[in-house]
Amino acid sequence: MTRRPRIRDVAELAGVAPSTVSVVLNDTAGARVADDTRERVRAAAEQLGYAPNSLARGLRTQRSSTLAFISDVIATTPYAGQLIQGAQEAAWGAGYLLMLVNTGGDTALEEHAVRALRQQQVAGALYATMYHRVVSLPPVLDGLPTVLLDSRPADGETTFVVPDEQQGAETAVEELVAQGHRRIGFVRDRNDGPAVDRRLRGYQEVLARHGLAADPALVVREESGSAGGERAAGVLLDSAEPPTAIFAFNDQMAIGVYRAAAARGVRIPDDLSVIGFDDLYVVSAELTPGLTTMALPHREMGRVAARALLAELDGADPVGEQLVACPVVRRGSVGPAPR
């Protein structure tokens, strides 16, 4: 066949009426079509290379085969590629395209962009943020199926997909305990929020699980960056009873831990084990020794969020919190506790 196949061609090959082909390929709700007939129609469509006209279908259903990916500034970060790739893989597998809008955190631009997307009859939206925090969805999204990605809603019954921060922290501290460490410090972000609160809870849970004292002096709040990490690690390493291991809130703070250790002649991992969080590759793989860290599962988060949105488009109810596990990435910064 040299021309583009039409619905009548599929109907003729499958031996059914064109209306039956339309019902099967568009998954019309409530339609009664025998299973063998459905298989015959799909096989004929695949053999001919026929696909439903998405524009015509959008005119009928008042929605297109397009999903919106709306972010604040995440599209300009090293994490963006994996998040978007995961979402795109799930969307493409279901026959949807993903349209990306990066607002830069500008609320006026965000409202304008979302209105433009709604005029294009996007089927639903993924609303992604720079880091795990609580957000209020803009009113312009009201009525549009939306799933939050790397954030949680301030109110309402909305599906949201976030990393399992507590599980990640527990896994990190268990790595240190397994190496014999009993005095473990935690350098944390000075600000409160879902990510730091849950990582602190995971740290405390593992200490309690192994009967280790939760010494408040081992938890130091500082600015979330390499400078803050260096100051916090300095406090710990200069104390009367310094830790033999440090769990850093993120990889950037871990850089500061390395600097503080080097300034004091403390060797990693011989004298001090260090484990981070995020697996920011340009940091964790370039340190010497390489930083053992907990990876934020960006690609899987994007995939899970897109699948949750697609399920809602098929009639499923919002499911609330969806946690995605954080795997450990072992490099060279964790070793046995020094005697």
C-alpha atoms as a PDB file:
ATOM      1  CA  MET A   1       0.000   0.000   0.000  1.00  0.00           C
ATOM      2  CA  THR A   2       1.616   3.286  -1.139  1.00  0.00           C
ATOM      3  CA  ARG A   3      -0.903   5.699   0.410  1.00  0.00           C
ATOM      4  CA  ARG A   4      -1.554   6.138   4.115  1.00  0.00           C
ATOM      5  CA  PRO A   5      -3.847   3.366   5.401  1.00  0.00           C
ATOM      6  CA  ARG A   6      -7.374   4.387   6.341  1.00  0.00           C
ATOM      7  CA  ILE A   7      -9.881   3.005   8.787  1.00  0.00           C
ATOM      8  CA  ARG A   8     -11.772   1.352   5.907  1.00  0.00           C
ATOM      9  CA  ASP A   9      -8.627  -0.568   4.947  1.00  0.00           C
ATOM     10  CA  VAL A  10      -8.336  -1.933   8.480  1.00  0.00           C
ATOM     11  CA  ALA A  11     -12.036  -2.841   8.492  1.00  0.00           C
ATOM     12  CA  GLU A  12     -11.746  -4.679   5.181  1.00  0.00           C
ATOM     13  CA  LEU A  13      -8.680  -6.665   6.283  1.00  0.00           C
ATOM     14  CA  ALA A  14     -10.253  -7.560   9.654  1.00  0.00           C
ATOM     15  CA  GLY A  15     -13.646  -8.350   8.125  1.00  0.00           C
ATOM     16  CA  VAL A  16     -15.576  -5.903  10.312  1.00  0.00           C
ATOM     17  CA  ALA A  17     -17.388  -2.598   9.929  1.00  0.00           C
ATOM     18  CA  PRO A  18     -15.398   0.669  10.088  1.00  0.00           C
ATOM     19  CA  SER A  19     -17.373   1.623  13.211  1.00  0.00           C
ATOM     20  CA  THR A  20     -16.058  -1.498  14.958  1.00  0.00           C
ATOM     21  CA  VAL A  21     -12.485  -0.517  14.099  1.00  0.00           C
ATOM     22  CA  SER A  22     -13.099   2.934  15.576  1.00  0.00           C
ATOM     23  CA  VAL A  23     -14.541   1.476  18.778  1.00  0.00           C
ATOM     24  CA  VAL A  24     -11.631  -0.932  19.249  1.00  0.00           C
ATOM     25  CA  LEU A  25      -8.745   1.405  18.423  1.00  0.00           C
ATOM     26  CA  ASN A  26     -10.162   4.292  20.452  1.00  0.00           C
ATOM     27  CA  ASP A  27     -11.028   2.053  23.432  1.00  0.00           C
ATOM     28  CA  THR A  28     -14.555   3.421  23.516  1.00  0.00           C
ATOM     29  CA  ALA A  29     -15.957   2.971  27.023  1.00  0.00           C
ATOM     30  CA  GLY A  30     -18.896   0.585  27.361  1.00  0.00           C
ATOM     31  CA  ALA A  31     -18.574  -0.836  23.846  1.00  0.00           C
ATOM     32  CA  ARG A  32     -19.233  -4.573  23.566  1.00  0.00           C
ATOM     33  CA  VAL A  33     -16.816  -6.189  21.132  1.00  0.00           C
ATOM     34  CA  ALA A  34     -15.757  -9.825  21.317  1.00  0.00           C
ATOM     35  CA  ASP A  35     -12.156 -10.436  22.330  1.00  0.00           C
ATOM     36  CA  ASP A  36     -11.310 -12.314  19.124  1.00  0.00           C
ATOM     37  CA  THR A  37     -12.712  -9.417  17.078  1.00  0.00           C
ATOM     38  CA  ARG A  38     -10.601  -6.925  19.025  1.00  0.00           C
ATOM     39  CA  GLU A  39      -7.494  -9.026  18.395  1.00  0.00           C
ATOM     40  CA  ARG A  40      -8.312  -9.253  14.696  1.00  0.00           C
ATOM     41  CA  VAL A  41      -8.766  -5.483  14.414  1.00  0.00           C
ATOM     42  CA  ARG A  42      -5.530  -4.696  16.253  1.00  0.00           C
ATOM     43  CA  ALA A  43      -3.595  -7.223  14.204  1.00  0.00           C
ATOM     44  CA  ALA A  44      -4.950  -5.701  10.979  1.00  0.00           C
ATOM     45  CA  ALA A  45      -4.065  -2.178  12.150  1.00  0.00           C
ATOM     46  CA  GLU A  46      -0.534  -3.268  13.049  1.00  0.00           C
ATOM     47  CA  GLN A  47      -0.087  -5.088   9.731  1.00  0.00           C
ATOM     48  CA  LEU A  48      -1.141  -1.999   7.772  1.00  0.00           C
ATOM     49  CA  GLY A  49       0.677   0.463  10.022  1.00  0.00           C
ATOM     50  CA  TYR A  50      -2.559   2.289  10.810  1.00  0.00           C
ATOM     51  CA  ALA A  51      -2.829   4.668  13.779  1.00  0.00           C
ATOM     52  CA  PRO A  52      -5.910   6.691  14.803  1.00  0.00           C
ATOM     53  CA  ASN A  53      -5.860  10.337  13.817  1.00  0.00           C
ATOM     54  CA  SER A  54      -4.930  12.027  17.105  1.00  0.00           C
ATOM     55  CA  LEU A  55      -6.139  15.456  15.954  1.00  0.00           C
ATOM     56  CA  ALA A  56      -9.571  14.125  15.030  1.00  0.00           C
ATOM     57  CA  ARG A  57      -9.741  12.190  18.281  1.00  0.00           C
ATOM     58  CA  GLY A  58      -8.858  15.356  20.197  1.00  0.00           C
ATOM     59  CA  LEU A  59     -11.706  17.233  18.533  1.00  0.00           C
ATOM     60  CA  ARG A  60     -14.130  14.509  19.642  1.00  0.00           C
ATOM     61  CA  THR A  61     -12.862  14.094  23.200  1.00  0.00           C
ATOM     62  CA  GLN A  62     -11.806  17.729  23.769  1.00  0.00           C
ATOM     63  CA  ARG A  63      -8.298  16.596  24.709  1.00  0.00           C
ATOM     64  CA  SER A  64      -5.193  15.849  22.686  1.00  0.00           C
ATOM     65  CA  SER A  65      -2.637  13.056  22.958  1.00  0.00           C
ATOM     66  CA  THR A  66      -0.245  15.484  24.625  1.00  0.00           C
ATOM     67  CA  LEU A  67       0.876  15.771  28.242  1.00  0.00           C
ATOM     68  CA  ALA A  68       2.366  18.934  29.719  1.00  0.00           C
ATOM     69  CA  PHE A  69       5.561  18.842  31.783  1.00  0.00           C
ATOM     70  CA  ILE A  70       5.549  22.089  33.779  1.00  0.00           C
ATOM     71  CA  SER A  71       8.582  22.944  35.906  1.00  0.00           C
ATOM     72  CA  ASP A  72       9.896  25.890  37.861  1.00  0.00           C
ATOM     73  CA  VAL A  73      13.637  25.791  37.161  1.00  0.00           C
ATOM     74  CA  ILE A  74      14.234  22.065  37.111  1.00  0.00           C
ATOM     75  CA  ALA A  75      14.693  21.928  33.327  1.00  0.00           C
ATOM     76  CA  THR A  76      17.906  23.943  33.747  1.00  0.00           C
ATOM     77  CA  THR A  77      19.441  21.598  36.353  1.00  0.00           C
ATOM     78  CA  PRO A  78      21.604  18.461  35.986  1.00  0.00           C
ATOM     79  CA  TYR A  79      18.618  16.417  37.198  1.00  0.00           C
ATOM     80  CA  ALA A  80      16.267  17.446  34.395  1.00  0.00           C
ATOM     81  CA  GLY A  81      17.344  14.973  31.742  1.00  0.00           C
ATOM     82  CA  GLN A  82      16.541  11.897  33.813  1.00  0.00           C
ATOM     83  CA  LEU A  83      13.206  13.216  35.097  1.00  0.00           C
ATOM     84  CA  ILE A  84      12.058  14.211  31.636  1.00  0.00           C
ATOM     85  CA  GLN A  85      13.376  11.043  30.041  1.00  0.00           C
ATOM     86  CA  GLY A  86      11.484   8.828  32.482  1.00  0.00           C
ATOM     87  CA  ALA A  87       8.251  10.753  31.963  1.00  0.00           C
ATOM     88  CA  GLN A  88       8.717  10.788  28.200  1.00  0.00           C
ATOM     89  CA  GLU A  89       9.315   7.034  28.041  1.00  0.00           C
ATOM     90  CA  ALA A  90       6.064   6.306  29.882  1.00  0.00           C
ATOM     91  CA  ALA A  91       4.104   8.870  27.871  1.00  0.00           C
ATOM     92  CA  TRP A  92       5.458   7.708  24.523  1.00  0.00           C
ATOM     93  CA  GLY A  93       4.751   4.094  25.396  1.00  0.00           C
ATOM     94  CA  ALA A  94       1.088   5.041  25.823  1.00  0.00           C
ATOM     95  CA  GLY A  95       0.945   7.043  22.594  1.00  0.00           C
ATOM     96  CA  TYR A  96       1.306  10.511  24.160  1.00  0.00           C
ATOM     97  CA  LEU A  97       3.772  13.301  23.448  1.00  0.00           C
ATOM     98  CA  LEU A  98       5.341  15.343  26.254  1.00  0.00           C
ATOM     99  CA  MET A  99       5.418  19.128  25.982  1.00  0.00           C
ATOM    100  CA  LEU A 100       7.939  20.884  28.271  1.00  0.00           C
ATOM    101  CA  VAL A 101       7.453  24.334  29.799  1.00  0.00           C
ATOM    102  CA  ASN A 102      10.052  25.838  32.156  1.00  0.00           C
ATOM    103  CA  THR A 103       8.694  28.893  33.981  1.00  0.00           C
ATOM    104  CA  GLY A 104      11.781  29.928  35.938  1.00  0.00           C
ATOM    105  CA  GLY A 105       9.568  30.284  39.001  1.00  0.00           C
ATOM    106  CA  ASP A 106       7.725  33.239  37.427  1.00  0.00           C
ATOM    107  CA  THR A 107       4.070  32.890  38.504  1.00  0.00           C
ATOM    108  CA  ALA A 108       2.774  35.236  35.781  1.00  0.00           C
ATOM    109  CA  LEU A 109       4.645  33.284  33.112  1.00  0.00           C
ATOM    110  CA  GLU A 110       3.418  30.035  34.617  1.00  0.00           C
ATOM    111  CA  GLU A 111      -0.220  31.124  34.420  1.00  0.00           C
ATOM    112  CA  HIS A 112       0.198  32.328  30.836  1.00  0.00           C
ATOM    113  CA  ALA A 113       1.937  29.095  29.811  1.00  0.00           C
ATOM    114  CA  VAL A 114      -0.673  26.855  31.418  1.00  0.00           C
ATOM    115  CA  ARG A 115      -3.512  28.798  29.759  1.00  0.00           C
ATOM    116  CA  ALA A 116      -1.789  28.337  26.404  1.00  0.00           C
ATOM    117  CA  LEU A 117      -1.385  24.599  27.071  1.00  0.00           C
ATOM    118  CA  ARG A 118      -5.036  24.261  27.997  1.00  0.00           C
ATOM    119  CA  GLN A 119      -6.017  25.978  24.759  1.00  0.00           C
ATOM    120  CA  GLN A 120      -4.049  23.219  23.025  1.00  0.00           C
ATOM    121  CA  GLN A 121      -6.264  20.730  24.909  1.00  0.00           C
ATOM    122  CA  VAL A 122      -3.444  18.941  26.709  1.00  0.00           C
ATOM    123  CA  ALA A 123      -4.815  15.823  28.377  1.00  0.00           C
ATOM    124  CA  GLY A 124      -3.050  16.352  31.707  1.00  0.00           C
ATOM    125  CA  ALA A 125      -0.016  17.832  33.411  1.00  0.00           C
ATOM    126  CA  LEU A 126       3.061  16.798  35.372  1.00  0.00           C
ATOM    127  CA  TYR A 127       4.004  19.613  37.756  1.00  0.00           C
ATOM    128  CA  ALA A 128       7.685  19.288  38.707  1.00  0.00           C
ATOM    129  CA  THR A 129       9.713  21.286  41.216  1.00  0.00           C
ATOM    130  CA  MET A 130      13.405  21.873  41.830  1.00  0.00           C
ATOM    131  CA  TYR A 131      13.515  20.011  45.131  1.00  0.00           C
ATOM    132  CA  HIS A 132      11.187  18.029  47.398  1.00  0.00           C
ATOM    133  CA  ARG A 133       8.922  20.593  49.039  1.00  0.00           C
ATOM    134  CA  VAL A 134       5.283  21.474  49.702  1.00  0.00           C
ATOM    135  CA  VAL A 135       3.579  23.470  46.926  1.00  0.00           C
ATOM    136  CA  SER A 136       0.200  25.000  46.183  1.00  0.00           C
ATOM    137  CA  LEU A 137      -0.989  24.267  42.664  1.00  0.00           C
ATOM    138  CA  PRO A 138      -1.878  27.376  40.653  1.00  0.00           C
ATOM    139  CA  PRO A 139      -5.652  27.875  40.221  1.00  0.00           C
ATOM    140  CA  VAL A 140      -5.217  27.841  36.437  1.00  0.00           C
ATOM    141  CA  LEU A 141      -4.675  24.057  36.700  1.00  0.00           C
ATOM    142  CA  ASP A 142      -8.100  23.504  38.299  1.00  0.00           C
ATOM    143  CA  GLY A 143     -10.003  20.777  36.481  1.00  0.00           C
ATOM    144  CA  LEU A 144      -6.959  19.485  34.580  1.00  0.00           C
ATOM    145  CA  PRO A 145      -5.675  16.056  35.700  1.00  0.00           C
ATOM    146  CA  THR A 146      -2.353  16.830  37.373  1.00  0.00           C
ATOM    147  CA  VAL A 147       0.332  14.813  39.148  1.00  0.00           C
ATOM    148  CA  LEU A 148       3.022  16.477  41.247  1.00  0.00           C
ATOM    149  CA  LEU A 149       6.616  15.411  40.686  1.00  0.00           C
ATOM    150  CA  ASP A 150       9.237  15.856  43.433  1.00  0.00           C
ATOM    151  CA  SER A 151       6.810  17.877  45.554  1.00  0.00           C
ATOM    152  CA  ARG A 152       3.741  17.356  47.716  1.00  0.00           C
ATOM    153  CA  PRO A 153       0.467  19.327  47.711  1.00  0.00           C
ATOM    154  CA  ALA A 154      -0.366  21.823  50.431  1.00  0.00           C
ATOM    155  CA  ASP A 155      -3.944  20.564  50.346  1.00  0.00           C
ATOM    156  CA  GLY A 156      -6.357  18.533  48.261  1.00  0.00           C
ATOM    157  CA  GLU A 157      -6.359  14.980  46.970  1.00  0.00           C
ATOM    158  CA  THR A 158      -3.592  15.039  44.401  1.00  0.00           C
ATOM    159  CA  THR A 159      -1.237  12.254  43.377  1.00  0.00           C
ATOM    160  CA  PHE A 160       2.371  13.184  44.105  1.00  0.00           C
ATOM    161  CA  VAL A 161       5.580  11.292  43.370  1.00  0.00           C
ATOM    162  CA  VAL A 162       8.587  11.877  45.639  1.00  0.00           C
ATOM    163  CA  PRO A 163      11.819  10.077  46.557  1.00  0.00           C
ATOM    164  CA  ASP A 164      11.621   7.918  49.668  1.00  0.00           C
ATOM    165  CA  GLU A 165      13.868  10.207  51.703  1.00  0.00           C
ATOM    166  CA  GLN A 166      13.573   8.225  54.932  1.00  0.00           C
ATOM    167  CA  GLN A 167      14.358   4.907  53.260  1.00  0.00           C
ATOM    168  CA  GLY A 168      17.362   6.510  51.575  1.00  0.00           C
ATOM    169  CA  ALA A 169      18.679   7.871  54.859  1.00  0.00           C
ATOM    170  CA  GLU A 170      18.142   4.551  56.623  1.00  0.00           C
ATOM    171  CA  THR A 171      20.045   2.731  53.874  1.00  0.00           C
ATOM    172  CA  ALA A 172      22.895   5.258  54.114  1.00  0.00           C
ATOM    173  CA  VAL A 173      23.296   4.951  57.869  1.00  0.00           C
ATOM    174  CA  GLU A 174      22.955   1.152  57.715  1.00  0.00           C
ATOM    175  CA  GLU A 175      25.935   1.170  55.321  1.00  0.00           C
ATOM    176  CA  LEU A 176      27.984   2.875  58.023  1.00  0.00           C
ATOM    177  CA  VAL A 177      26.744   0.684  60.865  1.00  0.00           C
ATOM    178  CA  ALA A 178      27.565  -2.422  58.821  1.00  0.00           C
ATOM    179  CA  GLN A 179      31.188  -1.238  58.719  1.00  0.00           C
ATOM    180  CA  GLY A 180      31.338  -1.058  62.506  1.00  0.00           C
ATOM    181  CA  HIS A 181      30.736   2.674  62.951  1.00  0.00           C
ATOM    182  CA  ARG A 182      29.006   3.538  66.207  1.00  0.00           C
ATOM    183  CA  ARG A 183      29.540   7.287  66.407  1.00  0.00           C
ATOM    184  CA  ILE A 184      27.957   8.737  63.266  1.00  0.00           C
ATOM    185  CA  GLY A 185      27.523  12.429  62.586  1.00  0.00           C
ATOM    186  CA  PHE A 186      24.857  14.032  60.405  1.00  0.00           C
ATOM    187  CA  VAL A 187      25.512  17.376  58.696  1.00  0.00           C
ATOM    188  CA  ARG A 188      22.108  18.661  57.658  1.00  0.00           C
ATOM    189  CA  ASP A 189      20.510  21.623  55.934  1.00  0.00           C
ATOM    190  CA  ARG A 190      19.662  24.388  58.385  1.00  0.00           C
ATOM    191  CA  ASN A 191      16.172  24.756  56.879  1.00  0.00           C
ATOM    192  CA  ASP A 192      13.305  22.417  57.662  1.00  0.00           C
ATOM    193  CA  GLY A 193      11.273  20.720  54.929  1.00  0.00           C
ATOM    194  CA  PRO A 194      10.124  17.297  53.721  1.00  0.00           C
ATOM    195  CA  ALA A 195      13.562  16.203  52.512  1.00  0.00           C
ATOM    196  CA  VAL A 196      15.629  17.156  55.569  1.00  0.00           C
ATOM    197  CA  ASP A 197      12.928  16.108  58.039  1.00  0.00           C
ATOM    198  CA  ARG A 198      12.655  12.611  56.573  1.00  0.00           C
ATOM    199  CA  ARG A 199      16.407  12.138  56.203  1.00  0.00           C
ATOM    200  CA  LEU A 200      16.847  13.113  59.838  1.00  0.00           C
ATOM    201  CA  ARG A 201      14.106  10.657  60.816  1.00  0.00           C
ATOM    202  CA  GLY A 202      15.840   7.878  58.868  1.00  0.00           C
ATOM    203  CA  TYR A 203      19.158   8.654  60.585  1.00  0.00           C
ATOM    204  CA  GLN A 204      17.504   8.527  64.011  1.00  0.00           C
ATOM    205  CA  GLU A 205      15.594   5.331  63.227  1.00  0.00           C
ATOM    206  CA  VAL A 206      18.768   3.395  62.412  1.00  0.00           C
ATOM    207  CA  LEU A 207      20.550   4.599  65.551  1.00  0.00           C
ATOM    208  CA  ALA A 208      17.578   3.478  67.642  1.00  0.00           C
ATOM    209  CA  ARG A 209      17.378   0.163  65.799  1.00  0.00           C
ATOM    210  CA  HIS A 210      20.973  -0.659  66.731  1.00  0.00           C
ATOM    211  CA  GLY A 211      20.838   0.729  70.251  1.00  0.00           C
ATOM    212  CA  LEU A 212      23.184   3.608  69.444  1.00  0.00           C
ATOM    213  CA  ALA A 213      22.940   6.846  71.407  1.00  0.00           C
ATOM    214  CA  ALA A 214      21.302   9.727  69.535  1.00  0.00           C
ATOM    215  CA  ASP A 215      23.772  12.389  70.649  1.00  0.00           C
ATOM    216  CA  PRO A 216      22.387  15.840  69.684  1.00  0.00           C
ATOM    217  CA  ALA A 217      25.969  17.079  69.355  1.00  0.00           C
ATOM    218  CA  LEU A 218      26.415  14.764  66.352  1.00  0.00           C
ATOM    219  CA  VAL A 219      23.751  16.595  64.321  1.00  0.00           C
ATOM    220  CA  VAL A 220      24.922  19.960  62.994  1.00  0.00           C
ATOM    221  CA  ARG A 221      22.676  22.357  61.061  1.00  0.00           C
ATOM    222  CA  GLU A 222      24.321  24.464  58.392  1.00  0.00           C
ATOM    223  CA  GLU A 223      23.852  26.051  55.003  1.00  0.00           C
ATOM    224  CA  SER A 224      23.156  23.469  52.287  1.00  0.00           C
ATOM    225  CA  GLY A 225      26.338  23.781  50.252  1.00  0.00           C
ATOM    226  CA  SER A 226      30.014  22.941  50.326  1.00  0.00           C
ATOM    227  CA  ALA A 227      30.858  25.886  52.614  1.00  0.00           C
ATOM    228  CA  GLY A 228      28.148  24.879  55.057  1.00  0.00           C
ATOM    229  CA  GLY A 229      29.265  21.263  54.927  1.00  0.00           C
ATOM    230  CA  GLU A 230      32.848  22.296  55.702  1.00  0.00           C
ATOM    231  CA  ARG A 231      31.785  24.376  58.707  1.00  0.00           C
ATOM    232  CA  ALA A 232      29.506  21.611  60.033  1.00  0.00           C
ATOM    233  CA  ALA A 233      32.159  18.912  59.592  1.00  0.00           C
ATOM    234  CA  GLY A 234      34.696  21.170  61.308  1.00  0.00           C
ATOM    235  CA  VAL A 235      32.463  21.359  64.364  1.00  0.00           C
ATOM    236  CA  LEU A 236      32.212  17.566  64.465  1.00  0.00           C
ATOM    237  CA  LEU A 237      35.886  16.829  63.798  1.00  0.00           C
ATOM    238  CA  ASP A 238      37.087  19.387  66.359  1.00  0.00           C
ATOM    239  CA  SER A 239      34.857  18.033  69.119  1.00  0.00           C
ATOM    240  CA  ALA A 240      36.178  16.088  72.106  1.00  0.00           C
ATOM    241  CA  GLU A 241      34.652  12.893  70.710  1.00  0.00           C
ATOM    242  CA  PRO A 242      34.685  13.193  66.906  1.00  0.00           C
ATOM    243  CA  PRO A 243      32.613  10.763  64.834  1.00  0.00           C
ATOM    244  CA  THR A 244      34.198   8.011  62.783  1.00  0.00           C
ATOM    245  CA  ALA A 245      31.612   8.515  60.024  1.00  0.00           C
ATOM    246  CA  ILE A 246      29.542  11.400  58.652  1.00  0.00           C
ATOM    247  CA  PHE A 247      26.268  11.240  56.762  1.00  0.00           C
ATOM    248  CA  ALA A 248      25.935  14.389  54.631  1.00  0.00           C
ATOM    249  CA  PHE A 249      22.510  15.773  53.745  1.00  0.00           C
ATOM    250  CA  ASN A 250      23.602  16.098  50.119  1.00  0.00           C
ATOM    251  CA  ASP A 251      26.653  15.663  47.928  1.00  0.00           C
ATOM    252  CA  GLN A 252      27.505  19.362  47.990  1.00  0.00           C
ATOM    253  CA  MET A 253      27.740  19.321  51.778  1.00  0.00           C
ATOM    254  CA  ALA A 254      29.874  16.189  51.420  1.00  0.00           C
ATOM    255  CA  ILE A 255      32.400  18.239  49.443  1.00  0.00           C
ATOM    256  CA  GLY A 256      32.757  20.421  52.514  1.00  0.00           C
ATOM    257  CA  VAL A 257      33.234  17.337  54.706  1.00  0.00           C
ATOM    258  CA  TYR A 258      36.140  16.282  52.438  1.00  0.00           C
ATOM    259  CA  ARG A 259      37.686  19.752  52.749  1.00  0.00           C
ATOM    260  CA  ALA A 260      37.364  19.820  56.531  1.00  0.00           C
ATOM    261  CA  ALA A 261      38.917  16.361  56.778  1.00  0.00           C
ATOM    262  CA  ALA A 262      41.828  17.285  54.487  1.00  0.00           C
ATOM    263  CA  ALA A 263      42.532  20.454  56.477  1.00  0.00           C
ATOM    264  CA  ARG A 264      42.916  18.345  59.624  1.00  0.00           C
ATOM    265  CA  GLY A 265      44.906  15.497  58.108  1.00  0.00           C
ATOM    266  CA  VAL A 266      41.959  13.123  58.466  1.00  0.00           C
ATOM    267  CA  ARG A 267      42.026  10.439  55.773  1.00  0.00           C
ATOM    268  CA  ILE A 268      38.894   9.227  53.956  1.00  0.00           C
ATOM    269  CA  PRO A 269      37.936   6.412  54.442  1.00  0.00           C
ATOM    270  CA  ASP A 270      40.809   5.253  56.708  1.00  0.00           C
ATOM    271  CA  ASP A 271      40.049   7.675  59.547  1.00  0.00           C
ATOM    272  CA  LEU A 272      36.594   8.914  58.522  1.00  0.00           C
ATOM    273  CA  SER A 273      33.867   7.398  56.348  1.00  0.00           C
ATOM    274  CA  VAL A 274      31.582   9.736  54.429  1.00  0.00           C
ATOM    275  CA  ILE A 275      28.291   9.069  52.644  1.00  0.00           C
ATOM    276  CA  GLY A 276      26.234  11.624  50.746  1.00  0.00           C
ATOM    277  CA  PHE A 277      22.819  11.943  49.149  1.00  0.00           C
ATOM    278  CA  ASP A 278      21.647  12.831  45.606  1.00  0.00           C
ATOM    279  CA  ASP A 279      24.382  11.188  43.482  1.00  0.00           C
ATOM    280  CA  LEU A 280      25.119  14.436  41.707  1.00  0.00           C
ATOM    281  CA  TYR A 281      27.529  12.726  39.305  1.00  0.00           C
ATOM    282  CA  VAL A 282      29.728  15.746  38.597  1.00  0.00           C
ATOM    283  CA  VAL A 283      30.448  15.815  42.329  1.00  0.00           C
ATOM    284  CA  SER A 284      30.306  12.261  43.650  1.00  0.00           C
ATOM    285  CA  ALA A 285      32.347  10.570  40.925  1.00  0.00           C
ATOM    286  CA  GLU A 286      35.025  13.292  40.760  1.00  0.00           C
ATOM    287  CA  LEU A 287      35.975  13.405  44.434  1.00  0.00           C
ATOM    288  CA  THR A 288      38.983  11.383  45.617  1.00  0.00           C
ATOM    289  CA  PRO A 289      38.090   8.852  46.812  1.00  0.00           C
ATOM    290  CA  GLY A 290      34.796   8.694  44.946  1.00  0.00           C
ATOM    291  CA  LEU A 291      31.820   9.519  47.151  1.00  0.00           C
ATOM    292  CA  THR A 292      29.481   6.722  48.211  1.00  0.00           C
ATOM    293  CA  THR A 293      26.019   8.257  48.078  1.00  0.00           C
ATOM    294  CA  MET A 294      22.287   7.668  47.821  1.00  0.00           C
ATOM    295  CA  ALA A 295      20.928   8.282  44.328  1.00  0.00           C
ATOM    296  CA  LEU A 296      17.784  10.314  43.825  1.00  0.00           C
ATOM    297  CA  PRO A 297      15.807   8.100  41.395  1.00  0.00           C
ATOM    298  CA  HIS A 298      14.938  10.852  38.925  1.00  0.00           C
ATOM    299  CA  ARG A 299      14.285   8.680  35.882  1.00  0.00           C
ATOM    300  CA  GLU A 300      12.049   6.278  37.789  1.00  0.00           C
ATOM    301  CA  MET A 301      10.230   9.190  39.439  1.00  0.00           C
ATOM    302  CA  GLY A 302       9.451  10.669  36.026  1.00  0.00           C
ATOM    303  CA  ARG A 303       8.238   7.294  34.798  1.00  0.00           C
ATOM    304  CA  VAL A 304       6.054   6.662  37.864  1.00  0.00           C
ATOM    305  CA  ALA A 305       4.534  10.151  37.706  1.00  0.00           C
ATOM    306  CA  ALA A 306       3.641   9.839  34.025  1.00  0.00           C
ATOM    307  CA  ARG A 307       2.100   6.412  34.564  1.00  0.00           C
ATOM    308  CA  ALA A 308       0.048   7.744  37.479  1.00  0.00           C
ATOM    309  CA  LEU A 309      -1.222  10.587  35.289  1.00  0.00           C
ATOM    310  CA  LEU A 310      -2.092   8.193  32.466  1.00  0.00           C
ATOM    311  CA  ALA A 311      -3.997   6.017  34.932  1.00  0.00           C
ATOM    312  CA  GLU A 312      -6.053   9.017  36.032  1.00  0.00           C
ATOM    313  CA  LEU A 313      -6.790   9.849  32.405  1.00  0.00           C
ATOM    314  CA  ASP A 314      -8.176   6.309  32.148  1.00  0.00           C
ATOM    315  CA  GLY A 315     -10.516   6.948  35.068  1.00  0.00           C
ATOM    316  CA  ALA A 316      -8.447   5.976  38.120  1.00  0.00           C
ATOM    317  CA  ASP A 317      -8.746   8.048  41.302  1.00  0.00           C
ATOM    318  CA  PRO A 318      -5.769  10.044  42.624  1.00  0.00           C
ATOM    319  CA  VAL A 319      -3.706   7.840  44.940  1.00  0.00           C
ATOM    320  CA  GLY A 320      -1.897  10.442  47.045  1.00  0.00           C
ATOM    321  CA  GLU A 321       1.730   9.754  47.950  1.00  0.00           C
ATOM    322  CA  GLN A 322       3.860   7.587  45.639  1.00  0.00           C
ATOM    323  CA  LEU A 323       7.313   6.870  47.103  1.00  0.00           C
ATOM    324  CA  VAL A 324      10.244   5.854  44.884  1.00  0.00           C
ATOM    325  CA  ALA A 325      13.189   4.083  46.515  1.00  0.00           C
ATOM    326  CA  CYS A 326      16.664   5.662  46.586  1.00  0.00           C
ATOM    327  CA  PRO A 327      19.437   3.145  45.756  1.00  0.00           C
ATOM    328  CA  VAL A 328      22.931   3.291  47.209  1.00  0.00           C
ATOM    329  CA  VAL A 329      25.840   3.974  44.834  1.00  0.00           C
ATOM    330  CA  ARG A 330      29.023   2.587  46.373  1.00  0.00           C
ATOM    331  CA  ARG A 331      32.344   4.198  45.580  1.00  0.00           C
ATOM    332  CA  GLY A 332      35.339   4.570  47.873  1.00  0.00           C
ATOM    333  CA  SER A 333      34.434   6.841  50.783  1.00  0.00           C
ATOM    334  CA  VAL A 334      33.068   4.244  53.218  1.00  0.00           C
ATOM    335  CA  GLY A 335      35.304   1.796  55.003  1.00  0.00           C
ATOM    336  CA  PRO A 336      35.615  -0.080  58.311  1.00  0.00           C
ATOM    337  CA  ALA A 337      35.505   1.965  61.502  1.00  0.00           C
ATOM    338  CA  PRO A 338      39.055   2.745  62.724  1.00  0.00           C
ATOM    339  CA  ARG A 339      40.104   0.959  65.907  1.00  0.00           C
END
